[in-house]
C-alpha atoms as a PDB file:
ATOM      1  CA  MET A   1      -8.571   0.598 -28.857  1.00  0.00           C
ATOM      2  CA  PRO A   2      -6.542   0.988 -25.619  1.00  0.00           C
ATOM      3  CA  ALA A   3      -5.337  -1.839 -23.905  1.00  0.00           C
ATOM      4  CA  PRO A   4      -7.709  -2.802 -20.205  1.00  0.00           C
ATOM      5  CA  ILE A   5      -5.940  -1.766 -17.169  1.00  0.00           C
ATOM      6  CA  SER A   6      -5.884  -4.040 -14.040  1.00  0.00           C
ATOM      7  CA  VAL A   7      -6.196  -1.803 -10.320  1.00  0.00           C
ATOM      8  CA  THR A   8      -5.490  -3.840  -7.162  1.00  0.00           C
ATOM      9  CA  MET A   9      -7.593  -1.829  -4.366  1.00  0.00           C
ATOM     10  CA  THR A  10      -5.744  -2.473  -0.523  1.00  0.00           C
ATOM     11  CA  PRO A  11      -8.616  -1.814   1.768  1.00  0.00           C
ATOM     12  CA  TRP A  12      -7.641   1.176   3.845  1.00  0.00           C
ATOM     13  CA  SER A  13     -10.381   1.851   6.451  1.00  0.00           C
ATOM     14  CA  ILE A  14     -11.580  -0.424   9.154  1.00  0.00           C
ATOM     15  CA  SER A  15     -14.698  -0.772  10.561  1.00  0.00           C
ATOM     16  CA  SER A  16     -15.603  -0.635  14.430  1.00  0.00           C
ATOM     17  CA  THR A  17     -15.778  -4.177  15.257  1.00  0.00           C
ATOM     18  CA  MET A  18     -12.310  -4.727  13.691  1.00  0.00           C
ATOM     19  CA  VAL A  19     -11.281  -2.337  15.833  1.00  0.00           C
ATOM     20  CA  LEU A  20     -12.591  -3.640  19.042  1.00  0.00           C
ATOM     21  CA  GLN A  21     -11.112  -7.270  17.855  1.00  0.00           C
ATOM     22  CA  GLU A  22      -7.998  -6.126  17.524  1.00  0.00           C
ATOM     23  CA  VAL A  23      -8.375  -4.109  21.080  1.00  0.00           C
ATOM     24  CA  LYS A  24      -9.178  -7.679  22.113  1.00  0.00           C
ATOM     25  CA  ALA A  25      -6.439  -9.244  20.385  1.00  0.00           C
ATOM     26  CA  THR A  26      -3.609  -7.071  20.860  1.00  0.00           C
ATOM     27  CA  SER A  27      -2.073  -8.961  17.795  1.00  0.00           C
ATOM     28  CA  GLY A  28      -1.244  -5.121  16.483  1.00  0.00           C
ATOM     29  CA  ILE A  29      -0.886  -1.256  17.237  1.00  0.00           C
ATOM     30  CA  ILE A  30      -3.899   1.488  17.688  1.00  0.00           C
ATOM     31  CA  VAL A  31      -2.890   4.515  17.556  1.00  0.00           C
ATOM     32  CA  ASP A  32      -4.007   8.047  18.625  1.00  0.00           C
ATOM     33  CA  VAL A  33      -2.830  10.843  16.590  1.00  0.00           C
ATOM     34  CA  ARG A  34      -4.547  13.496  17.996  1.00  0.00           C
ATOM     35  CA  SER A  35      -2.971  15.549  20.269  1.00  0.00           C
ATOM     36  CA  LEU A  36      -1.773  14.515  23.896  1.00  0.00           C
ATOM     37  CA  GLU A  37      -4.342  16.892  25.950  1.00  0.00           C
ATOM     38  CA  GLU A  38      -7.572  14.853  23.714  1.00  0.00           C
ATOM     39  CA  TYR A  39      -5.237  11.647  24.257  1.00  0.00           C
ATOM     40  CA  ASN A  40      -5.203  11.891  28.174  1.00  0.00           C
ATOM     41  CA  GLY A  41      -9.003  13.576  27.832  1.00  0.00           C
ATOM     42  CA  THR A  42      -7.872  16.771  29.555  1.00  0.00           C
ATOM     43  CA  ASP A  43      -8.724  19.003  26.186  1.00  0.00           C
ATOM     44  CA  GLU A  44     -11.981  21.362  26.763  1.00  0.00           C
ATOM     45  CA  THR A  45     -14.048  19.261  24.485  1.00  0.00           C
ATOM     46  CA  THR A  46     -17.907  18.440  24.859  1.00  0.00           C
ATOM     47  CA  ILE A  47     -17.587  14.992  23.667  1.00  0.00           C
ATOM     48  CA  ARG A  48     -16.588  11.725  25.328  1.00  0.00           C
ATOM     49  CA  LYS A  49     -12.711  12.260  26.435  1.00  0.00           C
ATOM     50  CA  GLY A  50     -10.053   9.567  26.605  1.00  0.00           C
ATOM     51  CA  HIS A  51      -8.850   7.305  24.203  1.00  0.00           C
ATOM     52  CA  PHE A  52      -9.439   3.356  22.844  1.00  0.00           C
ATOM     53  CA  PRO A  53      -7.813   0.762  25.369  1.00  0.00           C
ATOM     54  CA  ASN A  54      -4.034   0.207  24.333  1.00  0.00           C
ATOM     55  CA  ALA A  55      -4.079   2.850  22.113  1.00  0.00           C
ATOM     56  CA  ILE A  56      -0.734   5.162  21.826  1.00  0.00           C
ATOM     57  CA  ASN A  57      -0.733   8.362  21.003  1.00  0.00           C
ATOM     58  CA  PHE A  58       1.726   9.659  18.117  1.00  0.00           C
ATOM     59  CA  GLU A  59       0.895  13.490  18.253  1.00  0.00           C
ATOM     60  CA  PHE A  60       0.362  14.456  14.442  1.00  0.00           C
ATOM     61  CA  SER A  61       1.689  17.427  14.652  1.00  0.00           C
ATOM     62  CA  GLN A  62       5.152  15.339  14.981  1.00  0.00           C
ATOM     63  CA  VAL A  63       4.902  15.128  11.364  1.00  0.00           C
ATOM     64  CA  MET A  64       5.645  18.549  10.752  1.00  0.00           C
ATOM     65  CA  ASP A  65       8.767  21.086  10.834  1.00  0.00           C
ATOM     66  CA  ASP A  66       8.554  24.219  12.306  1.00  0.00           C
ATOM     67  CA  LYS A  67       7.142  25.797   9.310  1.00  0.00           C
ATOM     68  CA  SER A  68       4.565  23.413   8.763  1.00  0.00           C
ATOM     69  CA  MET A  69       6.302  21.333   6.111  1.00  0.00           C
ATOM     70  CA  MET A  70       6.390  17.454   6.428  1.00  0.00           C
ATOM     71  CA  LYS A  71       9.449  16.139   7.682  1.00  0.00           C
ATOM     72  CA  PHE A  72      11.823  13.816   5.438  1.00  0.00           C
ATOM     73  CA  PRO A  73      11.033  10.116   5.721  1.00  0.00           C
ATOM     74  CA  ALA A  74      14.153   9.042   7.622  1.00  0.00           C
ATOM     75  CA  GLU A  75      13.531  11.494  10.298  1.00  0.00           C
ATOM     76  CA  LEU A  76       9.597  10.826  10.268  1.00  0.00           C
ATOM     77  CA  ALA A  77      11.198   6.703  10.039  1.00  0.00           C
ATOM     78  CA  LYS A  78      12.835   6.935  13.368  1.00  0.00           C
ATOM     79  CA  LEU A  79       9.852   9.187  15.002  1.00  0.00           C
ATOM     80  CA  PHE A  80       7.699   5.939  14.274  1.00  0.00           C
ATOM     81  CA  LYS A  81      10.124   3.237  15.299  1.00  0.00           C
ATOM     82  CA  ALA A  82      10.916   5.385  18.429  1.00  0.00           C
ATOM     83  CA  LYS A  83       7.317   4.976  18.993  1.00  0.00           C
ATOM     84  CA  GLY A  84       6.944   1.171  18.484  1.00  0.00           C
ATOM     85  CA  ILE A  85       5.398   2.072  15.094  1.00  0.00           C
ATOM     86  CA  THR A  86       7.205  -0.443  12.821  1.00  0.00           C
ATOM     87  CA  PRO A  87       6.113  -2.057   8.952  1.00  0.00           C
ATOM     88  CA  ASP A  88       5.980  -5.454  10.945  1.00  0.00           C
ATOM     89  CA  LYS A  89       2.848  -4.604  12.771  1.00  0.00           C
ATOM     90  CA  GLU A  90      -0.724  -4.104  11.495  1.00  0.00           C
ATOM     91  CA  ILE A  91      -1.363  -0.683  12.622  1.00  0.00           C
ATOM     92  CA  ILE A  92      -4.306   1.230  13.143  1.00  0.00           C
ATOM     93  CA  LEU A  93      -4.809   4.946  13.197  1.00  0.00           C
ATOM     94  CA  TYR A  94      -7.523   7.005  14.485  1.00  0.00           C
ATOM     95  CA  CYS A  95      -8.175  10.531  14.889  1.00  0.00           C
ATOM     96  CA  LYS A  96     -11.094  12.784  15.930  1.00  0.00           C
ATOM     97  CA  THR A  97     -12.599  13.146  12.289  1.00  0.00           C
ATOM     98  CA  ILE A  98     -10.109  10.720   9.976  1.00  0.00           C
ATOM     99  CA  MET A  99      -8.354  13.780   8.822  1.00  0.00           C
ATOM    100  CA  ARG A 100      -5.250  13.848  10.561  1.00  0.00           C
ATOM    101  CA  ALA A 101      -5.302   9.527  10.685  1.00  0.00           C
ATOM    102  CA  GLY A 102      -5.531   9.922   7.318  1.00  0.00           C
ATOM    103  CA  ILE A 103      -2.355  11.804   6.828  1.00  0.00           C
ATOM    104  CA  VAL A 104      -0.125   9.887   9.233  1.00  0.00           C
ATOM    105  CA  PHE A 105      -1.755   6.687   6.988  1.00  0.00           C
ATOM    106  CA  PHE A 106      -0.235   8.537   3.548  1.00  0.00           C
ATOM    107  CA  ILE A 107       3.107   8.750   5.462  1.00  0.00           C
ATOM    108  CA  LEU A 108       3.209   5.281   6.393  1.00  0.00           C
ATOM    109  CA  SER A 109       1.831   3.581   3.744  1.00  0.00           C
ATOM    110  CA  ASP A 110       3.263   5.524   0.600  1.00  0.00           C
ATOM    111  CA  MET A 111       6.620   7.371   1.855  1.00  0.00           C
ATOM    112  CA  LEU A 112       7.907   4.870   4.664  1.00  0.00           C
ATOM    113  CA  ASN A 113       6.480   1.531   2.341  1.00  0.00           C
ATOM    114  CA  TYR A 114       4.336   0.126   5.742  1.00  0.00           C
ATOM    115  CA  LYS A 115       1.936  -2.690   4.404  1.00  0.00           C
ATOM    116  CA  ASN A 116      -0.159  -3.347   6.685  1.00  0.00           C
ATOM    117  CA  VAL A 117      -2.125   0.310   7.753  1.00  0.00           C
ATOM    118  CA  LYS A 118      -5.480   0.850   8.152  1.00  0.00           C
ATOM    119  CA  VAL A 119      -7.671   3.884   9.414  1.00  0.00           C
ATOM    120  CA  TYR A 120     -10.638   3.539  12.110  1.00  0.00           C
ATOM    121  CA  ASP A 121     -13.115   5.037   9.145  1.00  0.00           C
ATOM    122  CA  GLU A 122     -15.790   5.699  11.631  1.00  0.00           C
ATOM    123  CA  ALA A 123     -13.172   7.847  14.111  1.00  0.00           C
ATOM    124  CA  PHE A 124     -12.909   8.665  17.922  1.00  0.00           C
ATOM    125  CA  PHE A 125     -15.900  11.311  17.267  1.00  0.00           C
ATOM    126  CA  ARG A 126     -18.288   7.659  16.593  1.00  0.00           C
ATOM    127  CA  LEU A 127     -17.165   6.220  19.758  1.00  0.00           C
ATOM    128  CA  ALA A 128     -17.588   9.818  21.605  1.00  0.00           C
ATOM    129  CA  ILE A 129     -21.416  10.070  20.476  1.00  0.00           C
END
């Protein structure tokens, strides 16, 4: 009989209540990974425009090269650091539906070994309706 295995799951998502607490406390970084137009509210949409208070914009497309391949970890680390997205901070990611935020979560947590990264799982779409 195989030996049992032990698995430790780290929560990767964060609720709207926790995001709002983080906004008020400003002890972490809230990162909007949508396009600059979505972040600024200048895109064509029928939903609420703009972004979370205190959120910074790190456009998802920055993680891809000109062939739509993911950039190398060293280059990604420089991009995140230039925006103040560093491993010593609590990082909350969001986008419109969580798809783009999920990919950036993978990059930060798995490729760059950031330990305190979460995705707002209700996404901006939830706030916008």
